[in-house]
Structure formats: C-alpha cells, structure tokens
Amino acid sequence: MKNLISMRDLAPQETLALLQLAEDIEAKRVRPDLSGRLAALLFFEPSTRTHFSFDTAMKRLGGQTLSMSGSGGTSAQKGESLADTLKTISMYADLIVIRSAIEGAARYAAEVIDIPVINAGDGANQHPTQALLDLYSIRKTQGRLEDLSIALVGDLKFGRTAHSLVQALARFRPRFSFVSPEHLGMPYYILEDLQAAGVSYRQLTSLDGLACELDVMYVTRIQRERFADPEEYEKVKGCYVVNRATLAGARESMRVLHPLPRVNEIAAEVDTTRHAYYFQQAHNGVPVRQALLATLLEAAE
C-alpha cells in the first residue's frame, strides 16, 4: 500500500491490519517513531476533525506537519497549477494529506507525485480515513465487524463518508438499511456493487420502528454546500432528526455514529444516552490515522 485514495484500494486483510495496529497504538503496546518525518496537510476545503486529528496523530508520533487551509496566500492565486503545487510541496514533505472539493483530486495527486498520498475527502466521492475510524469505532462497540445490521441515514447521495463506509463494510456480510429522501439515495454504482457481491440492503424513507433492529445507526447531515439550488436544500434540511423517541426499543449495545459536524439531525438529548458514540468516534480518528501514517511512511522507506 503506497497511497490511500479509496476504500476499494484496501484488501480486507490490509484493513484489519490497520485496525489492529490502531488498537495496539491506542493501548500503548506499540509506538511507531516518525521522528524526522514531515506530513503536508493540504486542505483546500474546510475541515476541523480530519485536519486536527492528522496533525495530532503525526505530532504524537514525533513527526511534524506543514498545513495549508484553502488556497489563499499561495501561488495558486497567481495561477499555479495543482500539479505544480503538489510537485513543489512533495520536495519538502514525506507524505501528503489532501482534501479538495474536486472529485478525483487525491487520485490525480498520487499520479503526479512520488510520495504517499492520503485522501482526506474529495468532493462527494470518498473519505477513506473516516471509513477506517468508523470501522474501528464499530469494532470497539460491537466486538466485531461481521454480520451487523447497520442503517445509514441522511444525505447518501453526496455523503462521501457514507460511500466509503458502505464499500468498507461490504466485505463483512452486513445488512444495510439506507434511509434518505428519494432524491438523496445511495448512488447507483454503489448499489450495483452491493448487488454483485450479494450484500443485503433495503432503501427506506422513514426511521419509524427501525432502531430496534439495528446494531449501528450511522447518521449524516444534509450537506448544504453540495446543493446548487438553495431552495432544494431548504426542502430537505431537518427531514430526519434522531431523538430519544427515535431510539425507543433499541438494543442496549446499539450505537449512534456520526462523522460530524452535526447540524440538527441528532438532538442534544441523545448525547446523554448510552447509544451516543459520535464524540468517542471522533477521538478514534487519532490512533487510526497514526496507524495509517506509520504504515505508509514505513512502506515508503
């Protein structure tokens, strides 16, 4: 593994090896040493958790980071191409983490530079490191990844976190429930892949009575920034709100996950229930990204 661009790039054994390394790092059984290594964090799109957790992960292992937020103040404002920007920064860093609003930007980066590239989100396409920390969170809370009943709720058309998670979980015999407004459903190419793999799924428009069947409820926000027409966003915002009533009858072990940020799709009253796990989920991003950074940088030596 030289880069991480999509969850499709990872074989199941590679995924499990990364999760095990993350567990060992978090338990302090292993401490990779990234002293003298430098990661460039290129975030052309806003980020809080992903940016900060990569920065934290690198520094806690003894490495250092260079950070770019947006293209303001850079030579991109002078007309420099993305390829030239990437090639220049690759002269300074050992690894690049890139987030862009442009789908395919991370794969393009991997094609034009020779150091490892990690996709931190490319438009509405993929967010593989979020999927890894989601898998880690699911395994920590459920004790396994296999044979789970998992609902994904909200914007499944533009939700890159949902796309990556579904592709990652498809290899572990899940039973999916996709809950969304009809025109924000899971992309057809992902549904085709699930059908070809014999993975069970159903498409729903309501959460009513669903919680009692689930091991995991994965909630995503309706993404205003992905709508070309603000009026279309206004029609669907707030269409799903998970509250205590929604979770009535849920198994004690059922957990609610969310990649964050949340807007209004999970009521604050859920935060104090045993089902809420989204803030711990964000914490899990550090050991998972430490494992990924260590794996890629050691492989590049």
C-alpha atoms as a PDB file:
ATOM      1  CA  MET A   1       0.000   0.000   0.000  1.00  0.00           C
ATOM      2  CA  LYS A   2       1.635   3.209  -1.211  1.00  0.00           C
ATOM      3  CA  ASN A   3      -1.399   5.532  -1.034  1.00  0.00           C
ATOM      4  CA  LEU A   4      -4.912   5.565   0.409  1.00  0.00           C
ATOM      5  CA  ILE A   5      -7.302   7.083  -2.108  1.00  0.00           C
ATOM      6  CA  SER A   6     -10.398   4.887  -1.819  1.00  0.00           C
ATOM      7  CA  MET A   7     -11.561   2.039   0.412  1.00  0.00           C
ATOM      8  CA  ARG A   8     -11.574  -0.023  -2.770  1.00  0.00           C
ATOM      9  CA  ASP A   9      -7.775   0.220  -2.704  1.00  0.00           C
ATOM     10  CA  LEU A  10      -7.588  -1.774   0.544  1.00  0.00           C
ATOM     11  CA  ALA A  11      -7.831  -5.553   0.709  1.00  0.00           C
ATOM     12  CA  PRO A  12      -9.755  -6.844   3.749  1.00  0.00           C
ATOM     13  CA  GLN A  13      -6.553  -8.097   5.370  1.00  0.00           C
ATOM     14  CA  GLU A  14      -4.960  -4.648   4.949  1.00  0.00           C
ATOM     15  CA  THR A  15      -7.978  -3.021   6.577  1.00  0.00           C
ATOM     16  CA  LEU A  16      -7.865  -5.416   9.525  1.00  0.00           C
ATOM     17  CA  ALA A  17      -4.099  -4.933   9.894  1.00  0.00           C
ATOM     18  CA  LEU A  18      -4.566  -1.155  10.112  1.00  0.00           C
ATOM     19  CA  LEU A  19      -7.328  -1.531  12.710  1.00  0.00           C
ATOM     20  CA  GLN A  20      -5.180  -3.882  14.775  1.00  0.00           C
ATOM     21  CA  LEU A  21      -2.224  -1.501  14.621  1.00  0.00           C
ATOM     22  CA  ALA A  22      -4.508   1.352  15.716  1.00  0.00           C
ATOM     23  CA  GLU A  23      -5.679  -0.750  18.657  1.00  0.00           C
ATOM     24  CA  ASP A  24      -2.085  -1.548  19.611  1.00  0.00           C
ATOM     25  CA  ILE A  25      -1.110   2.125  19.392  1.00  0.00           C
ATOM     26  CA  GLU A  26      -4.075   3.232  21.483  1.00  0.00           C
ATOM     27  CA  ALA A  27      -3.288   0.567  24.093  1.00  0.00           C
ATOM     28  CA  LYS A  28       0.363   1.716  24.084  1.00  0.00           C
ATOM     29  CA  ARG A  29       1.593  -1.752  23.109  1.00  0.00           C
ATOM     30  CA  VAL A  30       3.228  -0.200  20.025  1.00  0.00           C
ATOM     31  CA  ARG A  31       4.621   3.275  19.437  1.00  0.00           C
ATOM     32  CA  PRO A  32       5.834   3.945  15.888  1.00  0.00           C
ATOM     33  CA  ASP A  33       8.595   6.535  15.710  1.00  0.00           C
ATOM     34  CA  LEU A  34       8.040   9.161  12.997  1.00  0.00           C
ATOM     35  CA  SER A  35      10.784  11.473  14.243  1.00  0.00           C
ATOM     36  CA  GLY A  36      12.264  13.440  11.369  1.00  0.00           C
ATOM     37  CA  ARG A  37       9.268  12.755   9.103  1.00  0.00           C
ATOM     38  CA  LEU A  38       7.105  15.552   7.720  1.00  0.00           C
ATOM     39  CA  ALA A  39       3.493  15.387   6.528  1.00  0.00           C
ATOM     40  CA  ALA A  40       1.989  18.170   4.398  1.00  0.00           C
ATOM     41  CA  LEU A  41      -1.694  18.722   5.214  1.00  0.00           C
ATOM     42  CA  LEU A  42      -3.309  20.366   2.177  1.00  0.00           C
ATOM     43  CA  PHE A  43      -6.907  21.246   2.972  1.00  0.00           C
ATOM     44  CA  PHE A  44      -8.474  23.138   0.098  1.00  0.00           C
ATOM     45  CA  GLU A  45     -11.891  22.561   1.699  1.00  0.00           C
ATOM     46  CA  PRO A  46     -12.897  23.330   5.320  1.00  0.00           C
ATOM     47  CA  SER A  47     -12.118  20.734   7.986  1.00  0.00           C
ATOM     48  CA  THR A  48     -11.948  20.534  11.756  1.00  0.00           C
ATOM     49  CA  ARG A  49     -11.702  16.907  12.951  1.00  0.00           C
ATOM     50  CA  THR A  50      -9.817  15.447   9.987  1.00  0.00           C
ATOM     51  CA  HIS A  51      -7.270  18.277   9.884  1.00  0.00           C
ATOM     52  CA  PHE A  52      -6.690  18.387  13.628  1.00  0.00           C
ATOM     53  CA  SER A  53      -6.569  14.626  14.065  1.00  0.00           C
ATOM     54  CA  PHE A  54      -3.963  14.180  11.312  1.00  0.00           C
ATOM     55  CA  ASP A  55      -1.930  16.972  12.873  1.00  0.00           C
ATOM     56  CA  THR A  56      -2.269  15.386  16.317  1.00  0.00           C
ATOM     57  CA  ALA A  57      -1.526  11.890  15.030  1.00  0.00           C
ATOM     58  CA  MET A  58       1.691  12.956  13.325  1.00  0.00           C
ATOM     59  CA  LYS A  59       2.988  15.046  16.212  1.00  0.00           C
ATOM     60  CA  ARG A  60       2.221  12.454  18.895  1.00  0.00           C
ATOM     61  CA  LEU A  61       4.439  10.017  16.998  1.00  0.00           C
ATOM     62  CA  GLY A  62       7.292  12.519  16.905  1.00  0.00           C
ATOM     63  CA  GLY A  63       6.740  13.807  13.377  1.00  0.00           C
ATOM     64  CA  GLN A  64       5.977  17.291  12.119  1.00  0.00           C
ATOM     65  CA  THR A  65       3.412  18.855   9.815  1.00  0.00           C
ATOM     66  CA  LEU A  66       3.063  21.645   7.280  1.00  0.00           C
ATOM     67  CA  SER A  67      -0.501  22.922   6.925  1.00  0.00           C
ATOM     68  CA  MET A  68      -2.401  24.711   4.179  1.00  0.00           C
ATOM     69  CA  SER A  69      -6.017  25.757   4.630  1.00  0.00           C
ATOM     70  CA  GLY A  70      -7.595  26.975   1.399  1.00  0.00           C
ATOM     71  CA  SER A  71      -5.620  28.377  -1.495  1.00  0.00           C
ATOM     72  CA  GLY A  72      -5.472  31.967  -0.259  1.00  0.00           C
ATOM     73  CA  GLY A  73      -1.961  33.236   0.269  1.00  0.00           C
ATOM     74  CA  THR A  74      -0.480  30.573  -2.013  1.00  0.00           C
ATOM     75  CA  SER A  75       0.808  30.616  -5.583  1.00  0.00           C
ATOM     76  CA  ALA A  76      -2.491  29.093  -6.717  1.00  0.00           C
ATOM     77  CA  GLN A  77      -3.758  32.684  -6.524  1.00  0.00           C
ATOM     78  CA  LYS A  78      -1.149  33.541  -9.157  1.00  0.00           C
ATOM     79  CA  GLY A  79      -2.377  30.826 -11.490  1.00  0.00           C
ATOM     80  CA  GLU A  80      -0.075  27.980 -10.477  1.00  0.00           C
ATOM     81  CA  SER A  81      -1.494  24.599 -11.461  1.00  0.00           C
ATOM     82  CA  LEU A  82      -2.414  21.981  -8.873  1.00  0.00           C
ATOM     83  CA  ALA A  83       0.212  19.662 -10.353  1.00  0.00           C
ATOM     84  CA  ASP A  84       2.976  22.224  -9.872  1.00  0.00           C
ATOM     85  CA  THR A  85       1.808  22.967  -6.330  1.00  0.00           C
ATOM     86  CA  LEU A  86       1.845  19.276  -5.466  1.00  0.00           C
ATOM     87  CA  LYS A  87       5.215  18.621  -7.077  1.00  0.00           C
ATOM     88  CA  THR A  88       6.747  21.553  -5.207  1.00  0.00           C
ATOM     89  CA  ILE A  89       5.361  20.526  -1.817  1.00  0.00           C
ATOM     90  CA  SER A  90       6.481  16.940  -2.410  1.00  0.00           C
ATOM     91  CA  MET A  91      10.037  18.305  -2.419  1.00  0.00           C
ATOM     92  CA  TYR A  92       9.573  19.334   1.231  1.00  0.00           C
ATOM     93  CA  ALA A  93       7.386  16.597   2.732  1.00  0.00           C
ATOM     94  CA  ASP A  94       7.461  12.812   3.108  1.00  0.00           C
ATOM     95  CA  LEU A  95       3.698  12.389   2.708  1.00  0.00           C
ATOM     96  CA  ILE A  96       0.736  14.486   1.584  1.00  0.00           C
ATOM     97  CA  VAL A  97      -2.781  14.509   3.045  1.00  0.00           C
ATOM     98  CA  ILE A  98      -5.158  16.291   0.678  1.00  0.00           C
ATOM     99  CA  ARG A  99      -8.775  17.429   0.887  1.00  0.00           C
ATOM    100  CA  SER A 100     -10.422  19.010  -2.123  1.00  0.00           C
ATOM    101  CA  ALA A 101     -13.911  19.849  -3.347  1.00  0.00           C
ATOM    102  CA  ILE A 102     -12.914  18.266  -6.676  1.00  0.00           C
ATOM    103  CA  GLU A 103     -13.731  14.577  -7.061  1.00  0.00           C
ATOM    104  CA  GLY A 104     -10.653  12.646  -8.130  1.00  0.00           C
ATOM    105  CA  ALA A 105      -8.179  15.257  -6.859  1.00  0.00           C
ATOM    106  CA  ALA A 106      -6.449  12.826  -4.495  1.00  0.00           C
ATOM    107  CA  ARG A 107      -6.011  10.165  -7.157  1.00  0.00           C
ATOM    108  CA  TYR A 108      -4.642  12.799  -9.501  1.00  0.00           C
ATOM    109  CA  ALA A 109      -2.192  13.844  -6.787  1.00  0.00           C
ATOM    110  CA  ALA A 110      -0.999  10.243  -6.441  1.00  0.00           C
ATOM    111  CA  GLU A 111      -0.356  10.148 -10.182  1.00  0.00           C
ATOM    112  CA  VAL A 112       1.792  13.278 -10.335  1.00  0.00           C
ATOM    113  CA  ILE A 113       3.977  12.894  -7.216  1.00  0.00           C
ATOM    114  CA  ASP A 114       6.117  10.061  -5.867  1.00  0.00           C
ATOM    115  CA  ILE A 115       5.466  10.325  -2.118  1.00  0.00           C
ATOM    116  CA  PRO A 116       2.459   8.715  -0.370  1.00  0.00           C
ATOM    117  CA  VAL A 117      -0.908  10.463  -0.724  1.00  0.00           C
ATOM    118  CA  ILE A 118      -3.870  10.153   1.644  1.00  0.00           C
ATOM    119  CA  ASN A 119      -7.320  11.229   0.513  1.00  0.00           C
ATOM    120  CA  ALA A 120      -8.899  13.328   3.292  1.00  0.00           C
ATOM    121  CA  GLY A 121     -12.077  13.822   1.246  1.00  0.00           C
ATOM    122  CA  ASP A 122     -12.617  14.625  -2.430  1.00  0.00           C
ATOM    123  CA  GLY A 123     -15.921  16.335  -3.064  1.00  0.00           C
ATOM    124  CA  ALA A 124     -18.886  13.987  -2.739  1.00  0.00           C
ATOM    125  CA  ASN A 125     -16.784  10.987  -3.677  1.00  0.00           C
ATOM    126  CA  GLN A 126     -14.693   9.326  -0.952  1.00  0.00           C
ATOM    127  CA  HIS A 127     -13.381   9.812   2.595  1.00  0.00           C
ATOM    128  CA  PRO A 128     -11.449   6.594   3.306  1.00  0.00           C
ATOM    129  CA  THR A 129      -9.767   7.594   6.573  1.00  0.00           C
ATOM    130  CA  GLN A 130     -13.181   8.430   8.021  1.00  0.00           C
ATOM    131  CA  ALA A 131     -14.325   4.969   6.974  1.00  0.00           C
ATOM    132  CA  LEU A 132     -11.356   3.411   8.771  1.00  0.00           C
ATOM    133  CA  LEU A 133     -12.111   5.217  12.021  1.00  0.00           C
ATOM    134  CA  ASP A 134     -15.776   4.303  11.589  1.00  0.00           C
ATOM    135  CA  LEU A 135     -14.809   0.625  11.251  1.00  0.00           C
ATOM    136  CA  TYR A 136     -12.600   0.970  14.304  1.00  0.00           C
ATOM    137  CA  SER A 137     -15.489   2.521  16.244  1.00  0.00           C
ATOM    138  CA  ILE A 138     -17.890  -0.204  15.157  1.00  0.00           C
ATOM    139  CA  ARG A 139     -15.471  -2.952  16.144  1.00  0.00           C
ATOM    140  CA  LYS A 140     -14.832  -1.322  19.534  1.00  0.00           C
ATOM    141  CA  THR A 141     -18.529  -1.026  20.315  1.00  0.00           C
ATOM    142  CA  GLN A 142     -19.850  -4.243  18.759  1.00  0.00           C
ATOM    143  CA  GLY A 143     -16.849  -6.523  19.219  1.00  0.00           C
ATOM    144  CA  ARG A 144     -16.850  -7.478  15.541  1.00  0.00           C
ATOM    145  CA  LEU A 145     -17.409  -6.221  12.008  1.00  0.00           C
ATOM    146  CA  GLU A 146     -19.164  -9.281  10.612  1.00  0.00           C
ATOM    147  CA  ASP A 147     -22.907  -9.848  10.307  1.00  0.00           C
ATOM    148  CA  LEU A 148     -24.104  -6.492  11.634  1.00  0.00           C
ATOM    149  CA  SER A 149     -27.350  -4.646  10.932  1.00  0.00           C
ATOM    150  CA  ILE A 150     -26.407  -1.079  10.010  1.00  0.00           C
ATOM    151  CA  ALA A 151     -28.572   1.859   8.961  1.00  0.00           C
ATOM    152  CA  LEU A 152     -27.130   4.870   7.149  1.00  0.00           C
ATOM    153  CA  VAL A 153     -29.361   7.901   7.498  1.00  0.00           C
ATOM    154  CA  GLY A 154     -29.480  11.275   5.744  1.00  0.00           C
ATOM    155  CA  ASP A 155     -27.708  12.514   2.623  1.00  0.00           C
ATOM    156  CA  LEU A 156     -26.490   9.320   0.986  1.00  0.00           C
ATOM    157  CA  LYS A 157     -26.082  10.813  -2.486  1.00  0.00           C
ATOM    158  CA  PHE A 158     -23.446  13.407  -1.619  1.00  0.00           C
ATOM    159  CA  GLY A 159     -22.250  11.866   1.654  1.00  0.00           C
ATOM    160  CA  ARG A 160     -18.691  10.743   0.923  1.00  0.00           C
ATOM    161  CA  THR A 161     -18.360   9.279   4.422  1.00  0.00           C
ATOM    162  CA  ALA A 162     -21.335   7.024   3.731  1.00  0.00           C
ATOM    163  CA  HIS A 163     -19.922   5.928   0.365  1.00  0.00           C
ATOM    164  CA  SER A 164     -16.587   4.929   1.858  1.00  0.00           C
ATOM    165  CA  LEU A 165     -18.149   3.176   4.844  1.00  0.00           C
ATOM    166  CA  VAL A 166     -20.512   1.094   2.716  1.00  0.00           C
ATOM    167  CA  GLN A 167     -17.647  -0.017   0.479  1.00  0.00           C
ATOM    168  CA  ALA A 168     -15.542  -0.875   3.527  1.00  0.00           C
ATOM    169  CA  LEU A 169     -18.284  -2.825   5.314  1.00  0.00           C
ATOM    170  CA  ALA A 170     -19.495  -4.692   2.226  1.00  0.00           C
ATOM    171  CA  ARG A 171     -16.767  -7.296   2.747  1.00  0.00           C
ATOM    172  CA  PHE A 172     -18.049  -8.208   6.216  1.00  0.00           C
ATOM    173  CA  ARG A 173     -21.552  -9.534   5.381  1.00  0.00           C
ATOM    174  CA  PRO A 174     -23.616  -6.580   6.650  1.00  0.00           C
ATOM    175  CA  ARG A 175     -27.334  -5.987   6.413  1.00  0.00           C
ATOM    176  CA  PHE A 176     -27.805  -2.396   5.278  1.00  0.00           C
ATOM    177  CA  SER A 177     -30.777  -0.081   5.640  1.00  0.00           C
ATOM    178  CA  PHE A 178     -30.394   3.110   3.599  1.00  0.00           C
ATOM    179  CA  VAL A 179     -32.680   5.864   4.906  1.00  0.00           C
ATOM    180  CA  SER A 180     -32.867   9.063   2.855  1.00  0.00           C
ATOM    181  CA  PRO A 181     -35.132  11.327   0.839  1.00  0.00           C
ATOM    182  CA  GLU A 182     -35.736   9.628  -2.505  1.00  0.00           C
ATOM    183  CA  HIS A 183     -33.551  12.020  -4.495  1.00  0.00           C
ATOM    184  CA  LEU A 184     -30.671  11.776  -1.977  1.00  0.00           C
ATOM    185  CA  GLY A 185     -30.367   8.000  -2.085  1.00  0.00           C
ATOM    186  CA  MET A 186     -27.198   5.929  -2.291  1.00  0.00           C
ATOM    187  CA  PRO A 187     -25.560   6.249  -5.745  1.00  0.00           C
ATOM    188  CA  TYR A 188     -26.493   3.539  -8.190  1.00  0.00           C
ATOM    189  CA  TYR A 189     -22.893   2.427  -8.787  1.00  0.00           C
ATOM    190  CA  ILE A 190     -22.586   1.532  -5.094  1.00  0.00           C
ATOM    191  CA  LEU A 191     -25.905  -0.333  -5.151  1.00  0.00           C
ATOM    192  CA  GLU A 192     -24.693  -2.258  -8.207  1.00  0.00           C
ATOM    193  CA  ASP A 193     -21.512  -3.258  -6.357  1.00  0.00           C
ATOM    194  CA  LEU A 194     -23.569  -4.469  -3.394  1.00  0.00           C
ATOM    195  CA  GLN A 195     -25.836  -6.498  -5.656  1.00  0.00           C
ATOM    196  CA  ALA A 196     -22.847  -8.084  -7.386  1.00  0.00           C
ATOM    197  CA  ALA A 197     -21.349  -9.002  -4.007  1.00  0.00           C
ATOM    198  CA  GLY A 198     -24.620 -10.427  -2.709  1.00  0.00           C
ATOM    199  CA  VAL A 199     -24.853  -7.866   0.112  1.00  0.00           C
ATOM    200  CA  SER A 200     -28.292  -7.374   1.625  1.00  0.00           C
ATOM    201  CA  TYR A 201     -29.734  -3.844   1.574  1.00  0.00           C
ATOM    202  CA  ARG A 202     -33.048  -2.029   1.584  1.00  0.00           C
ATOM    203  CA  GLN A 203     -33.936   1.579   0.779  1.00  0.00           C
ATOM    204  CA  LEU A 204     -36.271   3.433   3.146  1.00  0.00           C
ATOM    205  CA  THR A 205     -37.579   6.951   3.582  1.00  0.00           C
ATOM    206  CA  SER A 206     -38.586   6.668   7.252  1.00  0.00           C
ATOM    207  CA  LEU A 207     -36.821   5.869  10.535  1.00  0.00           C
ATOM    208  CA  ASP A 208     -40.033   4.706  12.215  1.00  0.00           C
ATOM    209  CA  GLY A 209     -39.527   1.484  14.168  1.00  0.00           C
ATOM    210  CA  LEU A 210     -36.061   0.909  12.742  1.00  0.00           C
ATOM    211  CA  ALA A 211     -33.830   1.397  15.802  1.00  0.00           C
ATOM    212  CA  CYS A 212     -34.862  -1.874  17.466  1.00  0.00           C
ATOM    213  CA  GLU A 213     -33.436  -3.850  14.525  1.00  0.00           C
ATOM    214  CA  LEU A 214     -30.009  -2.235  14.456  1.00  0.00           C
ATOM    215  CA  ASP A 215     -26.515  -2.678  15.791  1.00  0.00           C
ATOM    216  CA  VAL A 216     -25.371   0.700  14.406  1.00  0.00           C
ATOM    217  CA  MET A 217     -27.213   3.815  13.238  1.00  0.00           C
ATOM    218  CA  TYR A 218     -24.872   5.976  11.164  1.00  0.00           C
ATOM    219  CA  VAL A 219     -26.338   9.472  10.772  1.00  0.00           C
ATOM    220  CA  THR A 220     -25.114  12.091   8.289  1.00  0.00           C
ATOM    221  CA  ARG A 221     -26.131  15.692   7.793  1.00  0.00           C
ATOM    222  CA  ILE A 222     -27.851  17.055   4.720  1.00  0.00           C
ATOM    223  CA  GLN A 223     -24.924  18.836   3.088  1.00  0.00           C
ATOM    224  CA  ARG A 224     -25.941  22.360   2.171  1.00  0.00           C
ATOM    225  CA  GLU A 225     -22.647  23.011   0.355  1.00  0.00           C
ATOM    226  CA  ARG A 226     -23.381  20.255  -2.190  1.00  0.00           C
ATOM    227  CA  PHE A 227     -26.662  21.802  -3.392  1.00  0.00           C
ATOM    228  CA  ALA A 228     -26.541  24.055  -6.439  1.00  0.00           C
ATOM    229  CA  ASP A 229     -30.039  25.333  -5.625  1.00  0.00           C
ATOM    230  CA  PRO A 230     -30.502  26.659  -2.048  1.00  0.00           C
ATOM    231  CA  GLU A 231     -34.251  26.096  -2.326  1.00  0.00           C
ATOM    232  CA  GLU A 232     -33.697  22.370  -2.842  1.00  0.00           C
ATOM    233  CA  TYR A 233     -31.661  22.259   0.357  1.00  0.00           C
ATOM    234  CA  GLU A 234     -34.398  24.072   2.273  1.00  0.00           C
ATOM    235  CA  LYS A 235     -36.891  21.392   1.219  1.00  0.00           C
ATOM    236  CA  VAL A 236     -34.917  18.543   2.803  1.00  0.00           C
ATOM    237  CA  LYS A 237     -32.996  20.060   5.715  1.00  0.00           C
ATOM    238  CA  GLY A 238     -34.214  18.624   9.003  1.00  0.00           C
ATOM    239  CA  CYS A 239     -36.048  15.759   7.301  1.00  0.00           C
ATOM    240  CA  TYR A 240     -34.585  13.339   9.847  1.00  0.00           C
ATOM    241  CA  VAL A 241     -33.999  14.177  13.494  1.00  0.00           C
ATOM    242  CA  VAL A 242     -32.801  11.377  15.765  1.00  0.00           C
ATOM    243  CA  ASN A 243     -34.055  11.896  19.311  1.00  0.00           C
ATOM    244  CA  ARG A 244     -34.844   9.750  22.338  1.00  0.00           C
ATOM    245  CA  ALA A 245     -38.157   8.711  20.843  1.00  0.00           C
ATOM    246  CA  THR A 246     -36.414   7.531  17.670  1.00  0.00           C
ATOM    247  CA  LEU A 247     -34.228   5.224  19.778  1.00  0.00           C
ATOM    248  CA  ALA A 248     -37.101   3.688  21.768  1.00  0.00           C
ATOM    249  CA  GLY A 249     -36.715  -0.085  21.908  1.00  0.00           C
ATOM    250  CA  ALA A 250     -33.107  -0.060  20.697  1.00  0.00           C
ATOM    251  CA  ARG A 251     -30.785  -2.772  21.960  1.00  0.00           C
ATOM    252  CA  GLU A 252     -28.524  -1.707  24.794  1.00  0.00           C
ATOM    253  CA  SER A 253     -25.483  -2.313  22.579  1.00  0.00           C
ATOM    254  CA  MET A 254     -26.794  -0.246  19.652  1.00  0.00           C
ATOM    255  CA  ARG A 255     -24.672   2.819  18.961  1.00  0.00           C
ATOM    256  CA  VAL A 256     -25.375   6.044  17.067  1.00  0.00           C
ATOM    257  CA  LEU A 257     -22.439   7.245  14.993  1.00  0.00           C
ATOM    258  CA  HIS A 258     -21.993  10.490  13.067  1.00  0.00           C
ATOM    259  CA  PRO A 259     -18.920  11.724  11.153  1.00  0.00           C
ATOM    260  CA  LEU A 260     -19.642  15.269  12.380  1.00  0.00           C
ATOM    261  CA  PRO A 261     -20.253  18.144  12.155  1.00  0.00           C
ATOM    262  CA  ARG A 262     -23.901  17.721  13.058  1.00  0.00           C
ATOM    263  CA  VAL A 263     -26.432  20.456  12.426  1.00  0.00           C
ATOM    264  CA  ASN A 264     -29.822  19.376  13.759  1.00  0.00           C
ATOM    265  CA  GLU A 265     -30.043  15.716  12.701  1.00  0.00           C
ATOM    266  CA  ILE A 266     -29.221  14.373  16.195  1.00  0.00           C
ATOM    267  CA  ALA A 267     -30.954  16.112  19.091  1.00  0.00           C
ATOM    268  CA  ALA A 268     -28.731  17.129  22.005  1.00  0.00           C
ATOM    269  CA  GLU A 269     -30.846  14.949  24.292  1.00  0.00           C
ATOM    270  CA  VAL A 270     -29.287  11.883  22.636  1.00  0.00           C
ATOM    271  CA  ASP A 271     -25.823  12.902  23.877  1.00  0.00           C
ATOM    272  CA  THR A 272     -26.535  11.611  27.378  1.00  0.00           C
ATOM    273  CA  THR A 273     -27.923   8.234  26.283  1.00  0.00           C
ATOM    274  CA  ARG A 274     -25.895   5.026  26.260  1.00  0.00           C
ATOM    275  CA  HIS A 275     -26.351   4.910  22.481  1.00  0.00           C
ATOM    276  CA  ALA A 276     -24.396   8.103  21.667  1.00  0.00           C
ATOM    277  CA  TYR A 277     -20.874   7.397  20.440  1.00  0.00           C
ATOM    278  CA  TYR A 278     -20.067  10.195  17.979  1.00  0.00           C
ATOM    279  CA  PHE A 279     -17.641  12.148  20.156  1.00  0.00           C
ATOM    280  CA  GLN A 280     -15.706   8.991  21.072  1.00  0.00           C
ATOM    281  CA  GLN A 281     -15.818   8.199  17.364  1.00  0.00           C
ATOM    282  CA  ALA A 282     -14.002  11.477  16.640  1.00  0.00           C
ATOM    283  CA  HIS A 283     -11.387  10.569  19.267  1.00  0.00           C
ATOM    284  CA  ASN A 284     -10.780   7.271  17.461  1.00  0.00           C
ATOM    285  CA  GLY A 285      -9.516   9.212  14.470  1.00  0.00           C
ATOM    286  CA  VAL A 286      -6.146   9.784  16.142  1.00  0.00           C
ATOM    287  CA  PRO A 287      -4.963   6.170  16.641  1.00  0.00           C
ATOM    288  CA  VAL A 288      -6.399   5.139  13.279  1.00  0.00           C
ATOM    289  CA  ARG A 289      -4.584   7.929  11.462  1.00  0.00           C
ATOM    290  CA  GLN A 290      -1.431   7.204  13.449  1.00  0.00           C
ATOM    291  CA  ALA A 291      -1.589   3.623  12.195  1.00  0.00           C
ATOM    292  CA  LEU A 292      -2.095   4.784   8.607  1.00  0.00           C
ATOM    293  CA  LEU A 293       0.698   7.360   8.716  1.00  0.00           C
ATOM    294  CA  ALA A 294       3.107   4.850  10.210  1.00  0.00           C
ATOM    295  CA  THR A 295       2.195   2.172   7.669  1.00  0.00           C
ATOM    296  CA  LEU A 296       2.595   4.435   4.635  1.00  0.00           C
ATOM    297  CA  LEU A 297       5.768   6.135   5.802  1.00  0.00           C
ATOM    298  CA  GLU A 298       7.436   2.891   6.786  1.00  0.00           C
ATOM    299  CA  ALA A 299       6.450   1.355   3.439  1.00  0.00           C
ATOM    300  CA  ALA A 300       7.962   4.365   1.644  1.00  0.00           C
ATOM    301  CA  GLU A 301      11.369   3.945   3.317  1.00  0.00           C
END
